[in-house]
Amino acid sequence: MSGRAPVEALVQVGDVETRYVCAGQGPPVLLLTDEDPAAAVETPLFRALAESCRVVSAAPSPDLDTGPWLRALIEGLGWERPALVVASRASAAWVERVLAEAEACCADDLGQRVRADPRAPFPPAADGED
């Protein structure tokens, strides 16, 4: 990975402290995953994103509504219109739910939205842009 090495950090998202891993430099990309964000660092997807982007890997809690959590995460990071990549090794349904909740709540706060397999090479096919 070029640029910054992966760093683990916390951000206050509403009433919830969210742990994330950040690496790289460049345009902001949120990588949402259904597993430990630190595990994402080892995936081909995270490594490829970090080559040319500032990527943050985070995992929404299953107990929270993803849309408001995502909006608060974007604000907590101080980002404007990051690209959103949603990846799961286990559940295509989870990816679809997260993308739908993000679109319903945060469409104006996001740039490009992408479904991805964390094990696959990057870039995956884009779902949509503003």
C-alpha atoms as a PDB file:
ATOM      1  CA  MET A   1       0.000   0.000   0.000  1.00  0.00           C
ATOM      2  CA  SER A   2       1.295   3.387  -0.871  1.00  0.00           C
ATOM      3  CA  GLY A   3       0.697   6.445   1.267  1.00  0.00           C
ATOM      4  CA  ARG A   4      -0.346   5.958   4.853  1.00  0.00           C
ATOM      5  CA  ALA A   5      -0.023   2.594   6.544  1.00  0.00           C
ATOM      6  CA  PRO A   6      -3.225   1.179   8.088  1.00  0.00           C
ATOM      7  CA  VAL A   7      -4.200   2.831  11.361  1.00  0.00           C
ATOM      8  CA  GLU A   8      -6.943   1.693  13.723  1.00  0.00           C
ATOM      9  CA  ALA A   9      -9.041   4.436  15.337  1.00  0.00           C
ATOM     10  CA  LEU A  10     -12.399   5.224  16.965  1.00  0.00           C
ATOM     11  CA  VAL A  11     -14.973   7.812  15.992  1.00  0.00           C
ATOM     12  CA  GLN A  12     -18.073   8.756  17.978  1.00  0.00           C
ATOM     13  CA  VAL A  13     -21.113   8.020  15.801  1.00  0.00           C
ATOM     14  CA  GLY A  14     -24.143   9.322  17.644  1.00  0.00           C
ATOM     15  CA  ASP A  15     -24.234   7.372  20.907  1.00  0.00           C
ATOM     16  CA  VAL A  16     -21.996   4.625  19.524  1.00  0.00           C
ATOM     17  CA  GLU A  17     -18.219   4.466  19.325  1.00  0.00           C
ATOM     18  CA  THR A  18     -17.289   2.991  15.954  1.00  0.00           C
ATOM     19  CA  ARG A  19     -13.934   1.337  15.385  1.00  0.00           C
ATOM     20  CA  TYR A  20     -12.448   1.671  11.928  1.00  0.00           C
ATOM     21  CA  VAL A  21      -9.219   1.123  10.019  1.00  0.00           C
ATOM     22  CA  CYS A  22      -7.870   3.805   7.712  1.00  0.00           C
ATOM     23  CA  ALA A  23      -5.084   3.715   5.091  1.00  0.00           C
ATOM     24  CA  GLY A  24      -3.930   5.390   1.905  1.00  0.00           C
ATOM     25  CA  GLN A  25      -4.178   8.881   0.487  1.00  0.00           C
ATOM     26  CA  GLY A  26      -6.476  10.416  -2.078  1.00  0.00           C
ATOM     27  CA  PRO A  27     -10.224  10.622  -2.574  1.00  0.00           C
ATOM     28  CA  PRO A  28     -12.277   9.321   0.403  1.00  0.00           C
ATOM     29  CA  VAL A  29     -13.759   5.824   0.198  1.00  0.00           C
ATOM     30  CA  LEU A  30     -15.866   4.141   2.896  1.00  0.00           C
ATOM     31  CA  LEU A  31     -15.568   0.373   2.822  1.00  0.00           C
ATOM     32  CA  LEU A  32     -18.441  -1.114   4.822  1.00  0.00           C
ATOM     33  CA  THR A  33     -18.100  -4.762   5.694  1.00  0.00           C
ATOM     34  CA  ASP A  34     -19.978  -7.271   7.821  1.00  0.00           C
ATOM     35  CA  GLU A  35     -16.817  -8.439   9.579  1.00  0.00           C
ATOM     36  CA  ASP A  36     -14.128  -6.949  11.795  1.00  0.00           C
ATOM     37  CA  PRO A  37     -12.816  -3.816  10.024  1.00  0.00           C
ATOM     38  CA  ALA A  38      -9.222  -4.814  10.873  1.00  0.00           C
ATOM     39  CA  ALA A  39      -9.688  -8.027   8.876  1.00  0.00           C
ATOM     40  CA  ALA A  40     -10.420  -5.938   5.775  1.00  0.00           C
ATOM     41  CA  VAL A  41      -6.804  -4.746   5.726  1.00  0.00           C
ATOM     42  CA  GLU A  42      -5.755  -8.190   4.504  1.00  0.00           C
ATOM     43  CA  THR A  43      -8.194  -8.302   1.580  1.00  0.00           C
ATOM     44  CA  PRO A  44      -7.194  -7.561  -2.019  1.00  0.00           C
ATOM     45  CA  LEU A  45     -10.032  -5.013  -2.158  1.00  0.00           C
ATOM     46  CA  PHE A  46      -8.759  -2.926   0.788  1.00  0.00           C
ATOM     47  CA  ARG A  47      -5.174  -3.044  -0.456  1.00  0.00           C
ATOM     48  CA  ALA A  48      -6.178  -1.967  -3.966  1.00  0.00           C
ATOM     49  CA  LEU A  49      -8.326   0.900  -2.671  1.00  0.00           C
ATOM     50  CA  ALA A  50      -5.537   2.119  -0.378  1.00  0.00           C
ATOM     51  CA  GLU A  51      -3.167   2.364  -3.357  1.00  0.00           C
ATOM     52  CA  SER A  52      -5.021   5.400  -4.713  1.00  0.00           C
ATOM     53  CA  CYS A  53      -7.632   6.424  -2.131  1.00  0.00           C
ATOM     54  CA  ARG A  54      -8.021   7.310   1.534  1.00  0.00           C
ATOM     55  CA  VAL A  55     -10.005   4.251   2.587  1.00  0.00           C
ATOM     56  CA  VAL A  56     -11.834   3.711   5.869  1.00  0.00           C
ATOM     57  CA  SER A  57     -13.110   0.233   6.670  1.00  0.00           C
ATOM     58  CA  ALA A  58     -15.942   0.086   9.205  1.00  0.00           C
ATOM     59  CA  ALA A  59     -18.698  -2.346  10.126  1.00  0.00           C
ATOM     60  CA  PRO A  60     -22.179  -1.146  11.047  1.00  0.00           C
ATOM     61  CA  SER A  61     -23.601  -2.775  14.136  1.00  0.00           C
ATOM     62  CA  PRO A  62     -26.516  -5.103  13.355  1.00  0.00           C
ATOM     63  CA  ASP A  63     -28.368  -3.357  16.208  1.00  0.00           C
ATOM     64  CA  LEU A  64     -28.347   0.029  14.461  1.00  0.00           C
ATOM     65  CA  ASP A  65     -30.221   1.497  11.520  1.00  0.00           C
ATOM     66  CA  THR A  66     -27.452   1.690   8.919  1.00  0.00           C
ATOM     67  CA  GLY A  67     -28.595   4.899   7.208  1.00  0.00           C
ATOM     68  CA  PRO A  68     -28.383   7.297  10.176  1.00  0.00           C
ATOM     69  CA  TRP A  69     -25.237   5.523  11.422  1.00  0.00           C
ATOM     70  CA  LEU A  70     -23.621   6.027   8.016  1.00  0.00           C
ATOM     71  CA  ARG A  71     -24.540   9.729   7.899  1.00  0.00           C
ATOM     72  CA  ALA A  72     -23.087  10.208  11.406  1.00  0.00           C
ATOM     73  CA  LEU A  73     -19.928   8.287  10.416  1.00  0.00           C
ATOM     74  CA  ILE A  74     -19.388  10.517   7.361  1.00  0.00           C
ATOM     75  CA  GLU A  75     -19.858  13.614   9.532  1.00  0.00           C
ATOM     76  CA  GLY A  76     -17.609  12.199  12.277  1.00  0.00           C
ATOM     77  CA  LEU A  77     -14.839  11.633   9.747  1.00  0.00           C
ATOM     78  CA  GLY A  78     -15.319  15.150   8.388  1.00  0.00           C
ATOM     79  CA  TRP A  79     -15.762  13.836   4.839  1.00  0.00           C
ATOM     80  CA  GLU A  80     -17.899  15.156   1.986  1.00  0.00           C
ATOM     81  CA  ARG A  81     -19.416  12.770  -0.548  1.00  0.00           C
ATOM     82  CA  PRO A  82     -17.135   9.749  -0.130  1.00  0.00           C
ATOM     83  CA  ALA A  83     -17.488   6.803  -2.454  1.00  0.00           C
ATOM     84  CA  LEU A  84     -19.205   3.872  -0.741  1.00  0.00           C
ATOM     85  CA  VAL A  85     -18.042   0.290  -1.258  1.00  0.00           C
ATOM     86  CA  VAL A  86     -20.097  -2.411   0.472  1.00  0.00           C
ATOM     87  CA  ALA A  87     -18.524  -5.851   0.716  1.00  0.00           C
ATOM     88  CA  SER A  88     -19.413  -9.153   2.332  1.00  0.00           C
ATOM     89  CA  ARG A  89     -17.827 -12.580   2.119  1.00  0.00           C
ATOM     90  CA  ALA A  90     -21.005 -14.226   3.373  1.00  0.00           C
ATOM     91  CA  SER A  91     -24.200 -12.391   2.506  1.00  0.00           C
ATOM     92  CA  ALA A  92     -25.356 -10.758  -0.705  1.00  0.00           C
ATOM     93  CA  ALA A  93     -28.595  -9.909   1.135  1.00  0.00           C
ATOM     94  CA  TRP A  94     -26.611  -7.914   3.730  1.00  0.00           C
ATOM     95  CA  VAL A  95     -24.914  -5.940   0.951  1.00  0.00           C
ATOM     96  CA  GLU A  96     -28.275  -5.160  -0.666  1.00  0.00           C
ATOM     97  CA  ARG A  97     -29.815  -4.086   2.661  1.00  0.00           C
ATOM     98  CA  VAL A  98     -26.902  -1.779   3.527  1.00  0.00           C
ATOM     99  CA  LEU A  99     -26.928  -0.203   0.060  1.00  0.00           C
ATOM    100  CA  ALA A 100     -30.705   0.316   0.207  1.00  0.00           C
ATOM    101  CA  GLU A 101     -30.556   1.904   3.676  1.00  0.00           C
ATOM    102  CA  ALA A 102     -27.635   4.107   2.625  1.00  0.00           C
ATOM    103  CA  GLU A 103     -29.487   5.231  -0.493  1.00  0.00           C
ATOM    104  CA  ALA A 104     -32.689   5.968   1.433  1.00  0.00           C
ATOM    105  CA  CYS A 105     -30.940   8.014   4.104  1.00  0.00           C
ATOM    106  CA  CYS A 106     -27.755   9.395   2.606  1.00  0.00           C
ATOM    107  CA  ALA A 107     -28.018   9.580  -1.196  1.00  0.00           C
ATOM    108  CA  ASP A 108     -26.983  13.247  -1.256  1.00  0.00           C
ATOM    109  CA  ASP A 109     -24.063  12.576   1.113  1.00  0.00           C
ATOM    110  CA  LEU A 110     -22.453   9.879  -1.058  1.00  0.00           C
ATOM    111  CA  GLY A 111     -20.504   9.719  -4.281  1.00  0.00           C
ATOM    112  CA  GLN A 112     -20.293   6.499  -6.269  1.00  0.00           C
ATOM    113  CA  ARG A 113     -21.793   3.334  -4.718  1.00  0.00           C
ATOM    114  CA  VAL A 114     -20.249  -0.094  -5.406  1.00  0.00           C
ATOM    115  CA  ARG A 115     -21.007  -3.711  -4.439  1.00  0.00           C
ATOM    116  CA  ALA A 116     -17.832  -5.737  -4.002  1.00  0.00           C
ATOM    117  CA  ASP A 117     -16.347  -9.040  -2.962  1.00  0.00           C
ATOM    118  CA  PRO A 118     -13.451  -8.313  -0.580  1.00  0.00           C
ATOM    119  CA  ARG A 119     -11.464 -11.193  -2.064  1.00  0.00           C
ATOM    120  CA  ALA A 120     -11.853 -10.017  -5.671  1.00  0.00           C
ATOM    121  CA  PRO A 121      -9.507  -7.713  -7.532  1.00  0.00           C
ATOM    122  CA  PHE A 122     -10.534  -4.080  -7.773  1.00  0.00           C
ATOM    123  CA  PRO A 123     -12.359  -2.277  -9.350  1.00  0.00           C
ATOM    124  CA  PRO A 124     -15.726  -4.012  -9.235  1.00  0.00           C
ATOM    125  CA  ALA A 125     -18.604  -2.746 -11.356  1.00  0.00           C
ATOM    126  CA  ALA A 126     -20.134   0.539 -10.176  1.00  0.00           C
ATOM    127  CA  ASP A 127     -23.798   0.625  -9.171  1.00  0.00           C
ATOM    128  CA  GLY A 128     -24.460   4.265  -9.646  1.00  0.00           C
ATOM    129  CA  GLU A 129     -23.250   7.752  -9.335  1.00  0.00           C
ATOM    130  CA  ASP A 130     -24.986  10.892  -8.260  1.00  0.00           C
END
